[in-house]
Every structure is written in structure tokens, then in C-alpha cells.
Amino acid sequence: MKLSGALLVVAGLLLAIGFALMDTTVSAGMTTVNNLGLMNTKQNGLIVGMALFLGGCVLYGFGSIRPKNEPQSVPSIQVDPEAVREGNRHVVILVGALFLILFLFTVAPRLLAMIQ
């Protein structure tokens, strides 16, 4: 994460600097005028560059939190199959109740209106 964060930081800074130096004027005869389309492009480029920069900073920061030498241990979990079945039964009842409520508030009034 540190490497990708550093790459995003560099890319974001280069993009933002490139768009900050962008010329937004066009020649109109003897003078130059500001082009709103070019200003919009410059603003969007600056926003994208800064977003990449900030995203890279976040990735680099989170990549620095965990030391590399610390082993990652996976805890062993013992699952009781009966508890899983009991939990699934509650989920099925809850989903069924939600569908019943959805039916009562959406489909049932339309059916009653069609019958009358």
C-alpha cells in the first residue's frame, strides 16, 4: 500500500501542477480573452489531481501503520452447525416477514382498488 500510495501522490502532484500551469486564454483578434471551457477543464484537472494526491496520502499512511515483521495470525473458529441452522431459520423468518410487509403495503392496495 505504501508503494501505490506514493505513486498516487506523485501522479496527483504532477497532474495538479500540470493543470495549474495551463493557459486558459485564447486570442480574439488583437486581444486575448479567458475561455470558460478551458477554465472548467483546468478546475476539473486540479480537483482530480488533488483527489489522487489525498488518496495517495491516505494509502501511504495506512501502509505505514502495520510493521512488516509482525506475522499475521488467523484465529481458529469453531462453528456449531446447530447454531448456524438456528440462525438461518431466524433469517428466513425475518426475510419472509419483510416480504409480507412489502406485499401488504404495495401490492395489496392495488389489488383491492382493482376489485372495487
PDB file of N, CA and C in Angstrom:
ATOM      1  N   MET A   1       0.810  -1.189   0.000  1.00  0.00           N
ATOM      2  CA  MET A   1       0.000   0.000   0.000  1.00  0.00           C
ATOM      3  C   MET A   1       0.854   1.254   0.000  1.00  0.00           C
ATOM      4  N   LYS A   2       2.022   1.138   0.589  1.00  0.00           N
ATOM      5  CA  LYS A   2       2.888   2.316   0.613  1.00  0.00           C
ATOM      6  C   LYS A   2       3.340   2.690  -0.796  1.00  0.00           C
ATOM      7  N   LEU A   3       3.681   1.676  -1.602  1.00  0.00           N
ATOM      8  CA  LEU A   3       4.156   1.964  -2.958  1.00  0.00           C
ATOM      9  C   LEU A   3       3.045   2.571  -3.804  1.00  0.00           C
ATOM     10  N   SER A   4       1.853   1.983  -3.755  1.00  0.00           N
ATOM     11  CA  SER A   4       0.751   2.538  -4.547  1.00  0.00           C
ATOM     12  C   SER A   4       0.370   3.925  -4.035  1.00  0.00           C
ATOM     13  N   GLY A   5       0.443   4.145  -2.738  1.00  0.00           N
ATOM     14  CA  GLY A   5       0.175   5.469  -2.191  1.00  0.00           C
ATOM     15  C   GLY A   5       1.184   6.496  -2.668  1.00  0.00           C
ATOM     16  N   ALA A   6       2.453   6.111  -2.665  1.00  0.00           N
ATOM     17  CA  ALA A   6       3.489   7.038  -3.135  1.00  0.00           C
ATOM     18  C   ALA A   6       3.321   7.345  -4.622  1.00  0.00           C
ATOM     19  N   LEU A   7       2.956   6.332  -5.403  1.00  0.00           N
ATOM     20  CA  LEU A   7       2.732   6.565  -6.834  1.00  0.00           C
ATOM     21  C   LEU A   7       1.542   7.489  -7.065  1.00  0.00           C
ATOM     22  N   LEU A   8       0.479   7.312  -6.280  1.00  0.00           N
ATOM     23  CA  LEU A   8      -0.678   8.206  -6.414  1.00  0.00           C
ATOM     24  C   LEU A   8      -0.341   9.627  -5.989  1.00  0.00           C
ATOM     25  N   VAL A   9       0.480   9.772  -4.956  1.00  0.00           N
ATOM     26  CA  VAL A   9       0.891  11.112  -4.519  1.00  0.00           C
ATOM     27  C   VAL A   9       1.650  11.815  -5.635  1.00  0.00           C
ATOM     28  N   VAL A  10       2.602  11.118  -6.232  1.00  0.00           N
ATOM     29  CA  VAL A  10       3.407  11.719  -7.305  1.00  0.00           C
ATOM     30  C   VAL A  10       2.535  12.030  -8.514  1.00  0.00           C
ATOM     31  N   ALA A  11       1.673  11.084  -8.907  1.00  0.00           N
ATOM     32  CA  ALA A  11       0.802  11.308 -10.066  1.00  0.00           C
ATOM     33  C   ALA A  11      -0.156  12.464  -9.813  1.00  0.00           C
ATOM     34  N   GLY A  12      -0.716  12.530  -8.615  1.00  0.00           N
ATOM     35  CA  GLY A  12      -1.623  13.622  -8.284  1.00  0.00           C
ATOM     36  C   GLY A  12      -0.940  14.967  -8.297  1.00  0.00           C
ATOM     37  N   LEU A  13       0.271  15.038  -7.754  1.00  0.00           N
ATOM     38  CA  LEU A  13       1.002  16.312  -7.768  1.00  0.00           C
ATOM     39  C   LEU A  13       1.365  16.739  -9.191  1.00  0.00           C
ATOM     40  N   LEU A  14       1.837  15.788  -9.993  1.00  0.00           N
ATOM     41  CA  LEU A  14       2.182  16.126 -11.375  1.00  0.00           C
ATOM     42  C   LEU A  14       0.952  16.590 -12.156  1.00  0.00           C
ATOM     43  N   LEU A  15      -0.154  15.909 -11.966  1.00  0.00           N
ATOM     44  CA  LEU A  15      -1.383  16.293 -12.651  1.00  0.00           C
ATOM     45  C   LEU A  15      -1.860  17.666 -12.200  1.00  0.00           C
ATOM     46  N   ALA A  16      -1.846  17.909 -10.892  1.00  0.00           N
ATOM     47  CA  ALA A  16      -2.299  19.200 -10.367  1.00  0.00           C
ATOM     48  C   ALA A  16      -1.388  20.328 -10.828  1.00  0.00           C
ATOM     49  N   ILE A  17      -0.085  20.109 -10.812  1.00  0.00           N
ATOM     50  CA  ILE A  17       0.849  21.153 -11.265  1.00  0.00           C
ATOM     51  C   ILE A  17       0.669  21.411 -12.758  1.00  0.00           C
ATOM     52  N   GLY A  18       0.495  20.329 -13.519  1.00  0.00           N
ATOM     53  CA  GLY A  18       0.288  20.494 -14.961  1.00  0.00           C
ATOM     54  C   GLY A  18      -0.960  21.301 -15.271  1.00  0.00           C
ATOM     55  N   PHE A  19      -2.056  21.022 -14.573  1.00  0.00           N
ATOM     56  CA  PHE A  19      -3.283  21.777 -14.821  1.00  0.00           C
ATOM     57  C   PHE A  19      -3.213  23.176 -14.222  1.00  0.00           C
ATOM     58  N   ALA A  20      -2.458  23.377 -13.141  1.00  0.00           N
ATOM     59  CA  ALA A  20      -2.325  24.716 -12.569  1.00  0.00           C
ATOM     60  C   ALA A  20      -1.584  25.648 -13.516  1.00  0.00           C
ATOM     61  N   LEU A  21      -0.652  25.102 -14.283  1.00  0.00           N
ATOM     62  CA  LEU A  21       0.113  25.917 -15.232  1.00  0.00           C
ATOM     63  C   LEU A  21      -0.572  26.059 -16.581  1.00  0.00           C
ATOM     64  N   MET A  22      -1.745  25.477 -16.736  1.00  0.00           N
ATOM     65  CA  MET A  22      -2.471  25.511 -18.009  1.00  0.00           C
ATOM     66  C   MET A  22      -2.944  26.924 -18.329  1.00  0.00           C
ATOM     67  N   ASP A  23      -2.787  27.315 -19.590  1.00  0.00           N
ATOM     68  CA  ASP A  23      -3.220  28.637 -20.044  1.00  0.00           C
ATOM     69  C   ASP A  23      -4.693  28.567 -20.429  1.00  0.00           C
ATOM     70  N   THR A  24      -5.497  29.468 -19.896  1.00  0.00           N
ATOM     71  CA  THR A  24      -6.936  29.439 -20.169  1.00  0.00           C
ATOM     72  C   THR A  24      -7.380  30.590 -21.061  1.00  0.00           C
ATOM     73  N   THR A  25      -6.441  31.237 -21.735  1.00  0.00           N
ATOM     74  CA  THR A  25      -6.811  32.351 -22.603  1.00  0.00           C
ATOM     75  C   THR A  25      -6.703  31.927 -24.061  1.00  0.00           C
ATOM     76  N   VAL A  26      -7.510  32.573 -24.877  1.00  0.00           N
ATOM     77  CA  VAL A  26      -7.458  32.368 -26.320  1.00  0.00           C
ATOM     78  C   VAL A  26      -7.365  33.737 -26.974  1.00  0.00           C
ATOM     79  N   SER A  27      -6.758  33.769 -28.145  1.00  0.00           N
ATOM     80  CA  SER A  27      -6.625  35.058 -28.830  1.00  0.00           C
ATOM     81  C   SER A  27      -7.902  35.352 -29.605  1.00  0.00           C
ATOM     82  N   ALA A  28      -8.332  36.594 -29.484  1.00  0.00           N
ATOM     83  CA  ALA A  28      -9.522  37.070 -30.196  1.00  0.00           C
ATOM     84  C   ALA A  28      -9.143  38.356 -30.910  1.00  0.00           C
ATOM     85  N   GLY A  29      -8.569  38.209 -32.066  1.00  0.00           N
ATOM     86  CA  GLY A  29      -8.130  39.388 -32.809  1.00  0.00           C
ATOM     87  C   GLY A  29      -6.869  39.962 -32.207  1.00  0.00           C
ATOM     88  N   MET A  30      -6.972  41.178 -31.728  1.00  0.00           N
ATOM     89  CA  MET A  30      -5.808  41.866 -31.172  1.00  0.00           C
ATOM     90  C   MET A  30      -5.611  41.593 -29.678  1.00  0.00           C
ATOM     91  N   THR A  31      -6.606  41.012 -29.009  1.00  0.00           N
ATOM     92  CA  THR A  31      -6.519  40.797 -27.561  1.00  0.00           C
ATOM     93  C   THR A  31      -6.654  39.306 -27.243  1.00  0.00           C
ATOM     94  N   THR A  32      -6.512  39.004 -25.976  1.00  0.00           N
ATOM     95  CA  THR A  32      -6.755  37.646 -25.505  1.00  0.00           C
ATOM     96  C   THR A  32      -7.910  37.685 -24.505  1.00  0.00           C
ATOM     97  N   VAL A  33      -8.729  36.659 -24.536  1.00  0.00           N
ATOM     98  CA  VAL A  33      -9.868  36.578 -23.622  1.00  0.00           C
ATOM     99  C   VAL A  33      -9.824  35.238 -22.899  1.00  0.00           C
ATOM    100  N   ASN A  34     -10.439  35.219 -21.735  1.00  0.00           N
ATOM    101  CA  ASN A  34     -10.500  33.986 -20.963  1.00  0.00           C
ATOM    102  C   ASN A  34     -11.574  33.073 -21.543  1.00  0.00           C
ATOM    103  N   ASN A  35     -11.230  31.799 -21.676  1.00  0.00           N
ATOM    104  CA  ASN A  35     -12.146  30.802 -22.221  1.00  0.00           C
ATOM    105  C   ASN A  35     -12.739  30.017 -21.053  1.00  0.00           C
ATOM    106  N   LEU A  36     -14.073  30.068 -20.915  1.00  0.00           N
ATOM    107  CA  LEU A  36     -14.725  29.400 -19.797  1.00  0.00           C
ATOM    108  C   LEU A  36     -14.564  27.884 -19.872  1.00  0.00           C
ATOM    109  N   GLY A  37     -14.550  27.326 -21.064  1.00  0.00           N
ATOM    110  CA  GLY A  37     -14.356  25.887 -21.214  1.00  0.00           C
ATOM    111  C   GLY A  37     -12.979  25.458 -20.737  1.00  0.00           C
ATOM    112  N   LEU A  38     -11.958  26.239 -21.082  1.00  0.00           N
ATOM    113  CA  LEU A  38     -10.610  25.919 -20.619  1.00  0.00           C
ATOM    114  C   LEU A  38     -10.473  26.103 -19.113  1.00  0.00           C
ATOM    115  N   MET A  39     -11.173  27.110 -18.568  1.00  0.00           N
ATOM    116  CA  MET A  39     -11.156  27.294 -17.114  1.00  0.00           C
ATOM    117  C   MET A  39     -11.797  26.100 -16.407  1.00  0.00           C
ATOM    118  N   ASN A  40     -12.890  25.596 -16.990  1.00  0.00           N
ATOM    119  CA  ASN A  40     -13.562  24.441 -16.417  1.00  0.00           C
ATOM    120  C   ASN A  40     -12.662  23.214 -16.472  1.00  0.00           C
ATOM    121  N   THR A  41     -11.979  23.025 -17.587  1.00  0.00           N
ATOM    122  CA  THR A  41     -11.050  21.899 -17.720  1.00  0.00           C
ATOM    123  C   THR A  41      -9.923  22.008 -16.706  1.00  0.00           C
ATOM    124  N   LYS A  42      -9.425  23.217 -16.517  1.00  0.00           N
ATOM    125  CA  LYS A  42      -8.350  23.441 -15.542  1.00  0.00           C
ATOM    126  C   LYS A  42      -8.834  23.122 -14.127  1.00  0.00           C
ATOM    127  N   GLN A  43     -10.037  23.568 -13.790  1.00  0.00           N
ATOM    128  CA  GLN A  43     -10.587  23.317 -12.465  1.00  0.00           C
ATOM    129  C   GLN A  43     -10.798  21.819 -12.240  1.00  0.00           C
ATOM    130  N   ASN A  44     -11.357  21.126 -13.236  1.00  0.00           N
ATOM    131  CA  ASN A  44     -11.581  19.682 -13.098  1.00  0.00           C
ATOM    132  C   ASN A  44     -10.261  18.937 -12.952  1.00  0.00           C
ATOM    133  N   GLY A  45      -9.251  19.333 -13.700  1.00  0.00           N
ATOM    134  CA  GLY A  45      -7.947  18.701 -13.588  1.00  0.00           C
ATOM    135  C   GLY A  45      -7.319  18.907 -12.220  1.00  0.00           C
ATOM    136  N   LEU A  46      -7.469  20.109 -11.675  1.00  0.00           N
ATOM    137  CA  LEU A  46      -6.948  20.379 -10.334  1.00  0.00           C
ATOM    138  C   LEU A  46      -7.674  19.534  -9.285  1.00  0.00           C
ATOM    139  N   ILE A  47      -8.992  19.397  -9.428  1.00  0.00           N
ATOM    140  CA  ILE A  47      -9.758  18.602  -8.476  1.00  0.00           C
ATOM    141  C   ILE A  47      -9.338  17.140  -8.536  1.00  0.00           C
ATOM    142  N   VAL A  48      -9.192  16.595  -9.735  1.00  0.00           N
ATOM    143  CA  VAL A  48      -8.787  15.200  -9.883  1.00  0.00           C
ATOM    144  C   VAL A  48      -7.370  15.001  -9.349  1.00  0.00           C
ATOM    145  N   GLY A  49      -6.467  15.922  -9.655  1.00  0.00           N
ATOM    146  CA  GLY A  49      -5.095  15.819  -9.154  1.00  0.00           C
ATOM    147  C   GLY A  49      -5.027  15.848  -7.643  1.00  0.00           C
ATOM    148  N   MET A  50      -5.796  16.726  -7.022  1.00  0.00           N
ATOM    149  CA  MET A  50      -5.794  16.806  -5.563  1.00  0.00           C
ATOM    150  C   MET A  50      -6.461  15.579  -4.940  1.00  0.00           C
ATOM    151  N   ALA A  51      -7.490  15.034  -5.604  1.00  0.00           N
ATOM    152  CA  ALA A  51      -8.118  13.815  -5.096  1.00  0.00           C
ATOM    153  C   ALA A  51      -7.131  12.648  -5.143  1.00  0.00           C
ATOM    154  N   LEU A  52      -6.380  12.532  -6.231  1.00  0.00           N
ATOM    155  CA  LEU A  52      -5.357  11.488  -6.321  1.00  0.00           C
ATOM    156  C   LEU A  52      -4.289  11.686  -5.250  1.00  0.00           C
ATOM    157  N   PHE A  53      -3.884  12.924  -5.043  1.00  0.00           N
ATOM    158  CA  PHE A  53      -2.874  13.231  -4.028  1.00  0.00           C
ATOM    159  C   PHE A  53      -3.364  12.831  -2.641  1.00  0.00           C
ATOM    160  N   LEU A  54      -4.595  13.224  -2.291  1.00  0.00           N
ATOM    161  CA  LEU A  54      -5.112  12.892  -0.963  1.00  0.00           C
ATOM    162  C   LEU A  54      -5.335  11.394  -0.802  1.00  0.00           C
ATOM    163  N   GLY A  55      -5.820  10.733  -1.855  1.00  0.00           N
ATOM    164  CA  GLY A  55      -5.972   9.285  -1.791  1.00  0.00           C
ATOM    165  C   GLY A  55      -4.642   8.584  -1.603  1.00  0.00           C
ATOM    166  N   GLY A  56      -3.613   9.086  -2.281  1.00  0.00           N
ATOM    167  CA  GLY A  56      -2.281   8.529  -2.108  1.00  0.00           C
ATOM    168  C   GLY A  56      -1.743   8.738  -0.704  1.00  0.00           C
ATOM    169  N   CYS A  57      -2.017   9.907  -0.129  1.00  0.00           N
ATOM    170  CA  CYS A  57      -1.586  10.162   1.247  1.00  0.00           C
ATOM    171  C   CYS A  57      -2.255   9.195   2.219  1.00  0.00           C
ATOM    172  N   VAL A  58      -3.545   8.933   2.009  1.00  0.00           N
ATOM    173  CA  VAL A  58      -4.266   8.004   2.886  1.00  0.00           C
ATOM    174  C   VAL A  58      -3.693   6.595   2.740  1.00  0.00           C
ATOM    175  N   LEU A  59      -3.476   6.152   1.494  1.00  0.00           N
ATOM    176  CA  LEU A  59      -2.922   4.820   1.284  1.00  0.00           C
ATOM    177  C   LEU A  59      -1.521   4.693   1.879  1.00  0.00           C
ATOM    178  N   TYR A  60      -0.710   5.706   1.687  1.00  0.00           N
ATOM    179  CA  TYR A  60       0.644   5.676   2.234  1.00  0.00           C
ATOM    180  C   TYR A  60       0.609   5.644   3.758  1.00  0.00           C
ATOM    181  N   GLY A  61      -0.301   6.425   4.346  1.00  0.00           N
ATOM    182  CA  GLY A  61      -0.419   6.451   5.805  1.00  0.00           C
ATOM    183  C   GLY A  61      -0.877   5.124   6.367  1.00  0.00           C
ATOM    184  N   PHE A  62      -1.885   4.503   5.737  1.00  0.00           N
ATOM    185  CA  PHE A  62      -2.356   3.209   6.236  1.00  0.00           C
ATOM    186  C   PHE A  62      -1.337   2.111   5.968  1.00  0.00           C
ATOM    187  N   GLY A  63      -0.522   2.260   4.945  1.00  0.00           N
ATOM    188  CA  GLY A  63       0.523   1.279   4.695  1.00  0.00           C
ATOM    189  C   GLY A  63       1.636   1.349   5.714  1.00  0.00           C
ATOM    190  N   SER A  64       1.764   2.468   6.394  1.00  0.00           N
ATOM    191  CA  SER A  64       2.821   2.637   7.392  1.00  0.00           C
ATOM    192  C   SER A  64       2.415   2.179   8.778  1.00  0.00           C
ATOM    193  N   ILE A  65       1.167   1.846   8.986  1.00  0.00           N
ATOM    194  CA  ILE A  65       0.694   1.529  10.338  1.00  0.00           C
ATOM    195  C   ILE A  65       1.232   0.193  10.823  1.00  0.00           C
ATOM    196  N   ARG A  66       1.079  -0.878  10.042  1.00  0.00           N
ATOM    197  CA  ARG A  66       1.462  -2.219  10.483  1.00  0.00           C
ATOM    198  C   ARG A  66       2.929  -2.476  10.176  1.00  0.00           C
ATOM    199  N   PRO A  67       3.707  -2.907  11.163  1.00  0.00           N
ATOM    200  CA  PRO A  67       5.094  -3.252  10.863  1.00  0.00           C
ATOM    201  C   PRO A  67       5.148  -4.499   9.978  1.00  0.00           C
ATOM    202  N   LYS A  68       6.145  -4.563   9.119  1.00  0.00           N
ATOM    203  CA  LYS A  68       6.250  -5.664   8.162  1.00  0.00           C
ATOM    204  C   LYS A  68       6.677  -6.973   8.816  1.00  0.00           C
ATOM    205  N   ASN A  69       7.385  -6.933   9.936  1.00  0.00           N
ATOM    206  CA  ASN A  69       7.902  -8.146  10.559  1.00  0.00           C
ATOM    207  C   ASN A  69       6.866  -8.870  11.413  1.00  0.00           C
ATOM    208  N   GLU A  70       5.749  -8.243  11.688  1.00  0.00           N
ATOM    209  CA  GLU A  70       4.737  -8.849  12.540  1.00  0.00           C
ATOM    210  C   GLU A  70       3.961  -9.909  11.755  1.00  0.00           C
ATOM    211  N   PRO A  71       3.972 -11.161  12.221  1.00  0.00           N
ATOM    212  CA  PRO A  71       3.232 -12.193  11.481  1.00  0.00           C
ATOM    213  C   PRO A  71       1.737 -12.016  11.662  1.00  0.00           C
ATOM    214  N   GLN A  72       1.020 -12.319  10.611  1.00  0.00           N
ATOM    215  CA  GLN A  72      -0.425 -12.241  10.688  1.00  0.00           C
ATOM    216  C   GLN A  72      -0.960 -13.612  11.075  1.00  0.00           C
ATOM    217  N   SER A  73      -1.649 -13.676  12.188  1.00  0.00           N
ATOM    218  CA  SER A  73      -2.199 -14.946  12.644  1.00  0.00           C
ATOM    219  C   SER A  73      -3.686 -14.986  12.331  1.00  0.00           C
ATOM    220  N   VAL A  74      -4.140 -16.148  11.921  1.00  0.00           N
ATOM    221  CA  VAL A  74      -5.545 -16.342  11.627  1.00  0.00           C
ATOM    222  C   VAL A  74      -6.157 -17.101  12.802  1.00  0.00           C
ATOM    223  N   PRO A  75      -7.134 -16.508  13.481  1.00  0.00           N
ATOM    224  CA  PRO A  75      -7.716 -17.201  14.624  1.00  0.00           C
ATOM    225  C   PRO A  75      -8.543 -18.400  14.158  1.00  0.00           C
ATOM    226  N   SER A  76      -8.475 -19.462  14.927  1.00  0.00           N
ATOM    227  CA  SER A  76      -9.275 -20.634  14.590  1.00  0.00           C
ATOM    228  C   SER A  76     -10.666 -20.456  15.190  1.00  0.00           C
ATOM    229  N   ILE A  77     -11.668 -20.706  14.374  1.00  0.00           N
ATOM    230  CA  ILE A  77     -13.047 -20.524  14.803  1.00  0.00           C
ATOM    231  C   ILE A  77     -13.749 -21.870  14.731  1.00  0.00           C
ATOM    232  N   GLN A  78     -14.398 -22.240  15.802  1.00  0.00           N
ATOM    233  CA  GLN A  78     -15.169 -23.478  15.833  1.00  0.00           C
ATOM    234  C   GLN A  78     -16.634 -23.107  15.644  1.00  0.00           C
ATOM    235  N   VAL A  79     -17.264 -23.708  14.647  1.00  0.00           N
ATOM    236  CA  VAL A  79     -18.641 -23.386  14.309  1.00  0.00           C
ATOM    237  C   VAL A  79     -19.544 -24.534  14.727  1.00  0.00           C
ATOM    238  N   ASP A  80     -20.608 -24.198  15.421  1.00  0.00           N
ATOM    239  CA  ASP A  80     -21.609 -25.178  15.812  1.00  0.00           C
ATOM    240  C   ASP A  80     -22.667 -25.245  14.710  1.00  0.00           C
ATOM    241  N   PRO A  81     -22.801 -26.370  14.018  1.00  0.00           N
ATOM    242  CA  PRO A  81     -23.770 -26.458  12.911  1.00  0.00           C
ATOM    243  C   PRO A  81     -25.206 -26.213  13.342  1.00  0.00           C
ATOM    244  N   GLU A  82     -25.550 -26.613  14.555  1.00  0.00           N
ATOM    245  CA  GLU A  82     -26.920 -26.393  15.033  1.00  0.00           C
ATOM    246  C   GLU A  82     -27.210 -24.905  15.190  1.00  0.00           C
ATOM    247  N   ALA A  83     -26.216 -24.153  15.661  1.00  0.00           N
ATOM    248  CA  ALA A  83     -26.393 -22.711  15.816  1.00  0.00           C
ATOM    249  C   ALA A  83     -26.539 -22.044  14.445  1.00  0.00           C
ATOM    250  N   VAL A  84     -25.823 -22.544  13.455  1.00  0.00           N
ATOM    251  CA  VAL A  84     -25.933 -21.990  12.102  1.00  0.00           C
ATOM    252  C   VAL A  84     -27.332 -22.232  11.557  1.00  0.00           C
ATOM    253  N   ARG A  85     -27.856 -23.454  11.734  1.00  0.00           N
ATOM    254  CA  ARG A  85     -29.206 -23.741  11.257  1.00  0.00           C
ATOM    255  C   ARG A  85     -30.235 -22.878  11.974  1.00  0.00           C
ATOM    256  N   GLU A  86     -30.066 -22.714  13.284  1.00  0.00           N
ATOM    257  CA  GLU A  86     -30.995 -21.884  14.057  1.00  0.00           C
ATOM    258  C   GLU A  86     -30.927 -20.425  13.590  1.00  0.00           C
ATOM    259  N   GLY A  87     -29.730 -19.931  13.348  1.00  0.00           N
ATOM    260  CA  GLY A  87     -29.570 -18.563  12.851  1.00  0.00           C
ATOM    261  C   GLY A  87     -30.172 -18.397  11.471  1.00  0.00           C
ATOM    262  N   ASN A  88     -29.992 -19.405  10.604  1.00  0.00           N
ATOM    263  CA  ASN A  88     -30.580 -19.333   9.271  1.00  0.00           C
ATOM    264  C   ASN A  88     -32.099 -19.329   9.346  1.00  0.00           C
ATOM    265  N   ARG A  89     -32.658 -20.068  10.279  1.00  0.00           N
ATOM    266  CA  ARG A  89     -34.109 -20.095  10.423  1.00  0.00           C
ATOM    267  C   ARG A  89     -34.631 -18.705  10.784  1.00  0.00           C
ATOM    268  N   HIS A  90     -33.926 -18.007  11.663  1.00  0.00           N
ATOM    269  CA  HIS A  90     -34.340 -16.653  12.027  1.00  0.00           C
ATOM    270  C   HIS A  90     -34.232 -15.701  10.832  1.00  0.00           C
ATOM    271  N   VAL A  91     -33.202 -15.867  10.038  1.00  0.00           N
ATOM    272  CA  VAL A  91     -33.044 -15.014   8.859  1.00  0.00           C
ATOM    273  C   VAL A  91     -34.169 -15.269   7.868  1.00  0.00           C
ATOM    274  N   VAL A  92     -34.519 -16.519   7.651  1.00  0.00           N
ATOM    275  CA  VAL A  92     -35.598 -16.850   6.722  1.00  0.00           C
ATOM    276  C   VAL A  92     -36.922 -16.272   7.210  1.00  0.00           C
ATOM    277  N   ILE A  93     -37.187 -16.369   8.505  1.00  0.00           N
ATOM    278  CA  ILE A  93     -38.418 -15.797   9.058  1.00  0.00           C
ATOM    279  C   ILE A  93     -38.430 -14.287   8.888  1.00  0.00           C
ATOM    280  N   LEU A  94     -37.298 -13.629   9.145  1.00  0.00           N
ATOM    281  CA  LEU A  94     -37.211 -12.178   9.003  1.00  0.00           C
ATOM    282  C   LEU A  94     -37.421 -11.750   7.557  1.00  0.00           C
ATOM    283  N   VAL A  95     -36.792 -12.432   6.614  1.00  0.00           N
ATOM    284  CA  VAL A  95     -36.959 -12.086   5.195  1.00  0.00           C
ATOM    285  C   VAL A  95     -38.403 -12.315   4.763  1.00  0.00           C
ATOM    286  N   GLY A  96     -39.006 -13.412   5.216  1.00  0.00           N
ATOM    287  CA  GLY A  96     -40.413 -13.664   4.894  1.00  0.00           C
ATOM    288  C   GLY A  96     -41.316 -12.579   5.437  1.00  0.00           C
ATOM    289  N   ALA A  97     -41.058 -12.134   6.670  1.00  0.00           N
ATOM    290  CA  ALA A  97     -41.866 -11.066   7.260  1.00  0.00           C
ATOM    291  C   ALA A  97     -41.699  -9.765   6.478  1.00  0.00           C
ATOM    292  N   LEU A  98     -40.489  -9.478   6.041  1.00  0.00           N
ATOM    293  CA  LEU A  98     -40.270  -8.257   5.249  1.00  0.00           C
ATOM    294  C   LEU A  98     -41.008  -8.311   3.920  1.00  0.00           C
ATOM    295  N   PHE A  99     -40.997  -9.474   3.261  1.00  0.00           N
ATOM    296  CA  PHE A  99     -41.735  -9.611   2.008  1.00  0.00           C
ATOM    297  C   PHE A  99     -43.239  -9.492   2.233  1.00  0.00           C
ATOM    298  N   LEU A 100     -43.734 -10.023   3.332  1.00  0.00           N
ATOM    299  CA  LEU A 100     -45.148  -9.896   3.647  1.00  0.00           C
ATOM    300  C   LEU A 100     -45.532  -8.437   3.862  1.00  0.00           C
ATOM    301  N   ILE A 101     -44.717  -7.698   4.594  1.00  0.00           N
ATOM    302  CA  ILE A 101     -44.977  -6.276   4.821  1.00  0.00           C
ATOM    303  C   ILE A 101     -44.915  -5.517   3.502  1.00  0.00           C
ATOM    304  N   LEU A 102     -43.931  -5.828   2.677  1.00  0.00           N
ATOM    305  CA  LEU A 102     -43.823  -5.191   1.368  1.00  0.00           C
ATOM    306  C   LEU A 102     -45.058  -5.474   0.527  1.00  0.00           C
ATOM    307  N   PHE A 103     -45.538  -6.714   0.544  1.00  0.00           N
ATOM    308  CA  PHE A 103     -46.737  -7.079  -0.211  1.00  0.00           C
ATOM    309  C   PHE A 103     -47.950  -6.317   0.307  1.00  0.00           C
ATOM    310  N   LEU A 104     -48.086  -6.248   1.637  1.00  0.00           N
ATOM    311  CA  LEU A 104     -49.261  -5.591   2.216  1.00  0.00           C
ATOM    312  C   LEU A 104     -49.303  -4.101   1.887  1.00  0.00           C
ATOM    313  N   PHE A 105     -48.145  -3.456   1.799  1.00  0.00           N
ATOM    314  CA  PHE A 105     -48.147  -2.017   1.569  1.00  0.00           C
ATOM    315  C   PHE A 105     -48.048  -1.613   0.099  1.00  0.00           C
ATOM    316  N   THR A 106     -47.692  -2.539  -0.788  1.00  0.00           N
ATOM    317  CA  THR A 106     -47.562  -2.163  -2.197  1.00  0.00           C
ATOM    318  C   THR A 106     -48.566  -2.872  -3.093  1.00  0.00           C
ATOM    319  N   VAL A 107     -48.626  -4.173  -3.044  1.00  0.00           N
ATOM    320  CA  VAL A 107     -49.453  -4.927  -3.980  1.00  0.00           C
ATOM    321  C   VAL A 107     -50.891  -5.019  -3.507  1.00  0.00           C
ATOM    322  N   ALA A 108     -51.101  -5.264  -2.225  1.00  0.00           N
ATOM    323  CA  ALA A 108     -52.463  -5.460  -1.713  1.00  0.00           C
ATOM    324  C   ALA A 108     -53.363  -4.249  -1.957  1.00  0.00           C
ATOM    325  N   PRO A 109     -52.952  -3.012  -1.729  1.00  0.00           N
ATOM    326  CA  PRO A 109     -53.850  -1.881  -2.019  1.00  0.00           C
ATOM    327  C   PRO A 109     -54.225  -1.796  -3.503  1.00  0.00           C
ATOM    328  N   ARG A 110     -53.300  -2.144  -4.396  1.00  0.00           N
ATOM    329  CA  ARG A 110     -53.628  -2.108  -5.817  1.00  0.00           C
ATOM    330  C   ARG A 110     -54.635  -3.186  -6.170  1.00  0.00           C
ATOM    331  N   LEU A 111     -54.481  -4.372  -5.570  1.00  0.00           N
ATOM    332  CA  LEU A 111     -55.439  -5.442  -5.820  1.00  0.00           C
ATOM    333  C   LEU A 111     -56.822  -5.063  -5.313  1.00  0.00           C
ATOM    334  N   LEU A 112     -56.886  -4.446  -4.120  1.00  0.00           N
ATOM    335  CA  LEU A 112     -58.168  -4.023  -3.598  1.00  0.00           C
ATOM    336  C   LEU A 112     -58.800  -2.932  -4.464  1.00  0.00           C
ATOM    337  N   ALA A 113     -57.989  -2.039  -5.013  1.00  0.00           N
ATOM    338  CA  ALA A 113     -58.511  -0.979  -5.877  1.00  0.00           C
ATOM    339  C   ALA A 113     -59.032  -1.577  -7.188  1.00  0.00           C
ATOM    340  N   MET A 114     -58.416  -2.632  -7.673  1.00  0.00           N
ATOM    341  CA  MET A 114     -58.873  -3.267  -8.912  1.00  0.00           C
ATOM    342  C   MET A 114     -60.176  -4.025  -8.679  1.00  0.00           C
ATOM    343  N   ILE A 115     -60.364  -4.584  -7.497  1.00  0.00           N
ATOM    344  CA  ILE A 115     -61.580  -5.352  -7.214  1.00  0.00           C
ATOM    345  C   ILE A 115     -62.781  -4.413  -7.077  1.00  0.00           C
ATOM    346  N   GLN A 116     -62.595  -3.257  -6.476  1.00  0.00           N
ATOM    347  CA  GLN A 116     -63.721  -2.339  -6.225  1.00  0.00           C
ATOM    348  C   GLN A 116     -64.133  -1.672  -7.453  1.00  0.00           C
TER     349      GLN A 116
END
